[in-house]
Amino acid sequence: MLSQVNGLSRHFTEDSLRQHLTERSTRRDDGCLIIHGYGTQRGVYQKVAGRAWAHIAAYAVFVGGYDPDLEVDHLCNVKDCVEPTHLRQVSHAENCRTRAQGPTCRNGHDREVDASTGRYRRTCRACNRDSQRRWRERQAAEVALARGAYARM
């Protein structure tokens, strides 16, 4: 079963991987079991035991029945949590549906709710407007350059 986990070092057995994951993790007050992987940045997905994602390896070892065609989802929305009760396997579509989306875009603009889906729009109108303006400026510059090259001939 561990052979189905991508990037997992081959020298791990289920018992040694279970011990490795418990030694590298700490329990928080909210019940999350936070893994300390190879990276120094906390709050992001962590890699351990070779190049395997820690939450996938933890699901395979602690829960069992790992299916590589499905994705391992965090119920607690903490990316470096490996608590077995916080992990579940879902399809990619279900994982995208349940993903939390913030009320503002990455540039800080307020997002509008799409009437057809009831969720926030993927791109906000202000960012879309700015993107279209930049595209029109690039296109105008290319046309001016082409006209200038044609006039020289």
C-alpha atoms as a PDB file:
ATOM      1  CA  MET A   1       0.000   0.000   0.000  1.00  0.00           C
ATOM      2  CA  LEU A   2       2.865   2.417   0.722  1.00  0.00           C
ATOM      3  CA  SER A   3       4.160   1.822  -2.801  1.00  0.00           C
ATOM      4  CA  GLN A   4       1.173   3.806  -4.128  1.00  0.00           C
ATOM      5  CA  VAL A   5       2.289   7.010  -2.358  1.00  0.00           C
ATOM      6  CA  ASN A   6       4.322   9.088  -4.818  1.00  0.00           C
ATOM      7  CA  GLY A   7       7.764  10.194  -3.636  1.00  0.00           C
ATOM      8  CA  LEU A   8       7.832   8.032  -0.531  1.00  0.00           C
ATOM      9  CA  SER A   9      11.254   6.620   0.284  1.00  0.00           C
ATOM     10  CA  ARG A  10      11.343   2.850  -0.178  1.00  0.00           C
ATOM     11  CA  HIS A  11      13.115   2.078   3.073  1.00  0.00           C
ATOM     12  CA  PHE A  12      10.023   2.976   5.128  1.00  0.00           C
ATOM     13  CA  THR A  13       7.695   0.313   6.433  1.00  0.00           C
ATOM     14  CA  GLU A  14       4.280   1.171   7.830  1.00  0.00           C
ATOM     15  CA  ASP A  15       5.563   1.030  11.405  1.00  0.00           C
ATOM     16  CA  SER A  16       8.711   3.061  10.746  1.00  0.00           C
ATOM     17  CA  LEU A  17       6.759   5.689   8.779  1.00  0.00           C
ATOM     18  CA  ARG A  18       4.147   5.918  11.535  1.00  0.00           C
ATOM     19  CA  GLN A  19       6.933   6.469  14.091  1.00  0.00           C
ATOM     20  CA  HIS A  20       8.685   8.996  11.812  1.00  0.00           C
ATOM     21  CA  LEU A  21       5.502  11.050  11.396  1.00  0.00           C
ATOM     22  CA  THR A  22       4.645  11.071  15.099  1.00  0.00           C
ATOM     23  CA  GLU A  23       8.192  12.109  16.058  1.00  0.00           C
ATOM     24  CA  ARG A  24       8.114  15.071  13.655  1.00  0.00           C
ATOM     25  CA  SER A  25       4.697  16.400  14.691  1.00  0.00           C
ATOM     26  CA  THR A  26       3.253  18.390  17.569  1.00  0.00           C
ATOM     27  CA  ARG A  27      -0.322  18.620  18.839  1.00  0.00           C
ATOM     28  CA  ARG A  28      -2.057  22.022  18.924  1.00  0.00           C
ATOM     29  CA  ASP A  29      -4.854  23.091  21.265  1.00  0.00           C
ATOM     30  CA  ASP A  30      -7.444  22.899  18.468  1.00  0.00           C
ATOM     31  CA  GLY A  31      -6.696  19.191  17.888  1.00  0.00           C
ATOM     32  CA  CYS A  32      -4.527  19.530  14.775  1.00  0.00           C
ATOM     33  CA  LEU A  33      -1.379  17.435  14.587  1.00  0.00           C
ATOM     34  CA  ILE A  34       1.127  19.774  12.900  1.00  0.00           C
ATOM     35  CA  ILE A  35       3.974  18.125  11.013  1.00  0.00           C
ATOM     36  CA  HIS A  36       7.427  19.689  10.782  1.00  0.00           C
ATOM     37  CA  GLY A  37       8.667  18.657   7.360  1.00  0.00           C
ATOM     38  CA  TYR A  38      11.693  19.609   5.324  1.00  0.00           C
ATOM     39  CA  GLY A  39      10.688  23.240   4.756  1.00  0.00           C
ATOM     40  CA  THR A  40      11.121  26.082   7.211  1.00  0.00           C
ATOM     41  CA  GLN A  41       7.831  27.762   6.332  1.00  0.00           C
ATOM     42  CA  ARG A  42       4.891  26.713   8.490  1.00  0.00           C
ATOM     43  CA  GLY A  43       1.274  26.698   7.375  1.00  0.00           C
ATOM     44  CA  VAL A  44       1.952  25.154   3.968  1.00  0.00           C
ATOM     45  CA  TYR A  45       1.936  21.562   2.741  1.00  0.00           C
ATOM     46  CA  GLN A  46       4.970  19.716   4.104  1.00  0.00           C
ATOM     47  CA  LYS A  47       7.118  16.991   2.580  1.00  0.00           C
ATOM     48  CA  VAL A  48       8.588  14.171   4.678  1.00  0.00           C
ATOM     49  CA  ALA A  49      10.006  10.684   4.209  1.00  0.00           C
ATOM     50  CA  GLY A  50      11.620  11.286   0.852  1.00  0.00           C
ATOM     51  CA  ARG A  51       9.604  13.617  -1.356  1.00  0.00           C
ATOM     52  CA  ALA A  52       6.135  12.521  -0.257  1.00  0.00           C
ATOM     53  CA  TRP A  53       3.510  14.958   0.952  1.00  0.00           C
ATOM     54  CA  ALA A  54       3.095  14.482   4.683  1.00  0.00           C
ATOM     55  CA  HIS A  55      -0.718  14.476   4.716  1.00  0.00           C
ATOM     56  CA  ILE A  56      -0.862  11.787   2.011  1.00  0.00           C
ATOM     57  CA  ALA A  57       1.687   9.600   3.800  1.00  0.00           C
ATOM     58  CA  ALA A  58      -0.200  10.087   7.083  1.00  0.00           C
ATOM     59  CA  TYR A  59      -3.485   9.097   5.448  1.00  0.00           C
ATOM     60  CA  ALA A  60      -1.913   5.950   3.987  1.00  0.00           C
ATOM     61  CA  VAL A  61      -0.360   4.926   7.305  1.00  0.00           C
ATOM     62  CA  PHE A  62      -2.909   6.007   9.928  1.00  0.00           C
ATOM     63  CA  VAL A  63      -6.209   5.628   8.047  1.00  0.00           C
ATOM     64  CA  GLY A  64      -5.341   3.104   5.342  1.00  0.00           C
ATOM     65  CA  GLY A  65      -7.143   2.353   2.102  1.00  0.00           C
ATOM     66  CA  TYR A  66      -5.267   5.060   0.172  1.00  0.00           C
ATOM     67  CA  ASP A  67      -6.459   5.418  -3.430  1.00  0.00           C
ATOM     68  CA  PRO A  68      -3.967   7.366  -5.616  1.00  0.00           C
ATOM     69  CA  ASP A  69      -6.773   8.416  -7.982  1.00  0.00           C
ATOM     70  CA  LEU A  70      -8.405  10.510  -5.230  1.00  0.00           C
ATOM     71  CA  GLU A  71      -7.065  13.533  -3.356  1.00  0.00           C
ATOM     72  CA  VAL A  72      -6.503  13.775   0.396  1.00  0.00           C
ATOM     73  CA  ASP A  73      -8.494  16.718   1.773  1.00  0.00           C
ATOM     74  CA  HIS A  74      -8.130  18.493   5.119  1.00  0.00           C
ATOM     75  CA  LEU A  75     -11.411  18.961   6.968  1.00  0.00           C
ATOM     76  CA  CYS A  76      -9.740  21.498   9.260  1.00  0.00           C
ATOM     77  CA  ASN A  77      -8.269  23.561   6.330  1.00  0.00           C
ATOM     78  CA  VAL A  78      -4.825  23.507   7.985  1.00  0.00           C
ATOM     79  CA  LYS A  79      -2.386  22.510   5.258  1.00  0.00           C
ATOM     80  CA  ASP A  80       0.343  21.070   7.502  1.00  0.00           C
ATOM     81  CA  CYS A  81      -2.065  19.023   9.661  1.00  0.00           C
ATOM     82  CA  VAL A  82      -1.689  15.222   9.612  1.00  0.00           C
ATOM     83  CA  GLU A  83      -4.329  14.341  12.209  1.00  0.00           C
ATOM     84  CA  PRO A  84      -6.048  11.206  10.814  1.00  0.00           C
ATOM     85  CA  THR A  85      -9.530  12.362  11.851  1.00  0.00           C
ATOM     86  CA  HIS A  86      -9.031  15.606   9.897  1.00  0.00           C
ATOM     87  CA  LEU A  87      -8.144  13.842   6.615  1.00  0.00           C
ATOM     88  CA  ARG A  88     -10.442  12.303   4.017  1.00  0.00           C
ATOM     89  CA  GLN A  89     -10.170  11.189   0.408  1.00  0.00           C
ATOM     90  CA  VAL A  90     -12.357  12.950  -2.136  1.00  0.00           C
ATOM     91  CA  SER A  91     -12.429  13.472  -5.884  1.00  0.00           C
ATOM     92  CA  HIS A  92     -10.743  16.522  -7.395  1.00  0.00           C
ATOM     93  CA  ALA A  93     -14.135  18.084  -8.182  1.00  0.00           C
ATOM     94  CA  GLU A  94     -15.298  17.676  -4.574  1.00  0.00           C
ATOM     95  CA  ASN A  95     -12.005  19.076  -3.287  1.00  0.00           C
ATOM     96  CA  CYS A  96     -12.430  22.183  -5.467  1.00  0.00           C
ATOM     97  CA  ARG A  97     -16.068  22.597  -4.437  1.00  0.00           C
ATOM     98  CA  THR A  98     -15.303  22.617  -0.722  1.00  0.00           C
ATOM     99  CA  ARG A  99     -12.224  24.831  -0.972  1.00  0.00           C
ATOM    100  CA  ALA A 100     -12.632  28.058   0.971  1.00  0.00           C
ATOM    101  CA  GLN A 101     -12.573  31.182  -1.166  1.00  0.00           C
ATOM    102  CA  GLY A 102     -11.877  34.531   0.409  1.00  0.00           C
ATOM    103  CA  PRO A 103     -14.102  37.584   0.042  1.00  0.00           C
ATOM    104  CA  THR A 104     -11.243  39.568  -1.500  1.00  0.00           C
ATOM    105  CA  CYS A 105      -8.998  38.810  -4.450  1.00  0.00           C
ATOM    106  CA  ARG A 106      -5.221  38.602  -4.156  1.00  0.00           C
ATOM    107  CA  ASN A 107      -5.006  42.341  -4.963  1.00  0.00           C
ATOM    108  CA  GLY A 108      -7.398  43.252  -2.147  1.00  0.00           C
ATOM    109  CA  HIS A 109     -10.501  44.058  -4.214  1.00  0.00           C
ATOM    110  CA  ASP A 110     -13.902  42.890  -2.977  1.00  0.00           C
ATOM    111  CA  ARG A 111     -15.263  39.904  -4.875  1.00  0.00           C
ATOM    112  CA  GLU A 112     -18.847  39.751  -6.109  1.00  0.00           C
ATOM    113  CA  VAL A 113     -21.115  36.749  -5.671  1.00  0.00           C
ATOM    114  CA  ASP A 114     -21.953  34.980  -8.926  1.00  0.00           C
ATOM    115  CA  ALA A 115     -25.737  34.668  -9.157  1.00  0.00           C
ATOM    116  CA  SER A 116     -25.645  31.371 -11.050  1.00  0.00           C
ATOM    117  CA  THR A 117     -23.453  29.488  -8.554  1.00  0.00           C
ATOM    118  CA  GLY A 118     -23.884  31.415  -5.307  1.00  0.00           C
ATOM    119  CA  ARG A 119     -20.093  31.501  -4.844  1.00  0.00           C
ATOM    120  CA  TYR A 120     -17.639  34.334  -5.237  1.00  0.00           C
ATOM    121  CA  ARG A 121     -16.562  35.112  -8.785  1.00  0.00           C
ATOM    122  CA  ARG A 122     -13.145  33.708  -9.647  1.00  0.00           C
ATOM    123  CA  THR A 123     -11.812  37.062 -10.801  1.00  0.00           C
ATOM    124  CA  CYS A 124     -13.000  40.394  -9.523  1.00  0.00           C
ATOM    125  CA  ARG A 125     -14.213  43.022 -11.962  1.00  0.00           C
ATOM    126  CA  ALA A 126     -11.474  45.518 -11.068  1.00  0.00           C
ATOM    127  CA  CYS A 127      -8.677  43.010 -11.784  1.00  0.00           C
ATOM    128  CA  ASN A 128     -10.407  41.911 -14.976  1.00  0.00           C
ATOM    129  CA  ARG A 129     -10.739  45.530 -16.126  1.00  0.00           C
ATOM    130  CA  ASP A 130      -7.044  46.203 -15.385  1.00  0.00           C
ATOM    131  CA  SER A 131      -6.009  43.033 -17.201  1.00  0.00           C
ATOM    132  CA  GLN A 132      -8.026  43.981 -20.301  1.00  0.00           C
ATOM    133  CA  ARG A 133      -6.570  47.498 -20.258  1.00  0.00           C
ATOM    134  CA  ARG A 134      -3.011  46.106 -20.172  1.00  0.00           C
ATOM    135  CA  TRP A 135      -3.846  43.704 -23.006  1.00  0.00           C
ATOM    136  CA  ARG A 136      -5.253  46.533 -25.158  1.00  0.00           C
ATOM    137  CA  GLU A 137      -2.111  48.609 -24.509  1.00  0.00           C
ATOM    138  CA  ARG A 138       0.124  45.695 -25.555  1.00  0.00           C
ATOM    139  CA  GLN A 139      -1.939  45.131 -28.693  1.00  0.00           C
ATOM    140  CA  ALA A 140      -1.804  48.845 -29.592  1.00  0.00           C
ATOM    141  CA  ALA A 141       1.974  48.860 -29.128  1.00  0.00           C
ATOM    142  CA  GLU A 142       2.345  45.820 -31.398  1.00  0.00           C
ATOM    143  CA  VAL A 143       0.164  47.401 -34.076  1.00  0.00           C
ATOM    144  CA  ALA A 144       2.122  50.674 -33.889  1.00  0.00           C
ATOM    145  CA  LEU A 145       5.393  48.740 -34.179  1.00  0.00           C
ATOM    146  CA  ALA A 146       4.106  46.787 -37.177  1.00  0.00           C
ATOM    147  CA  ARG A 147       2.845  49.939 -38.889  1.00  0.00           C
ATOM    148  CA  GLY A 148       6.170  51.641 -38.271  1.00  0.00           C
ATOM    149  CA  ALA A 149       8.055  48.674 -39.774  1.00  0.00           C
ATOM    150  CA  TYR A 150       5.721  48.632 -42.798  1.00  0.00           C
ATOM    151  CA  ALA A 151       6.162  52.372 -43.409  1.00  0.00           C
ATOM    152  CA  ARG A 152       9.966  52.029 -43.528  1.00  0.00           C
ATOM    153  CA  MET A 153       9.823  49.644 -46.453  1.00  0.00           C
END
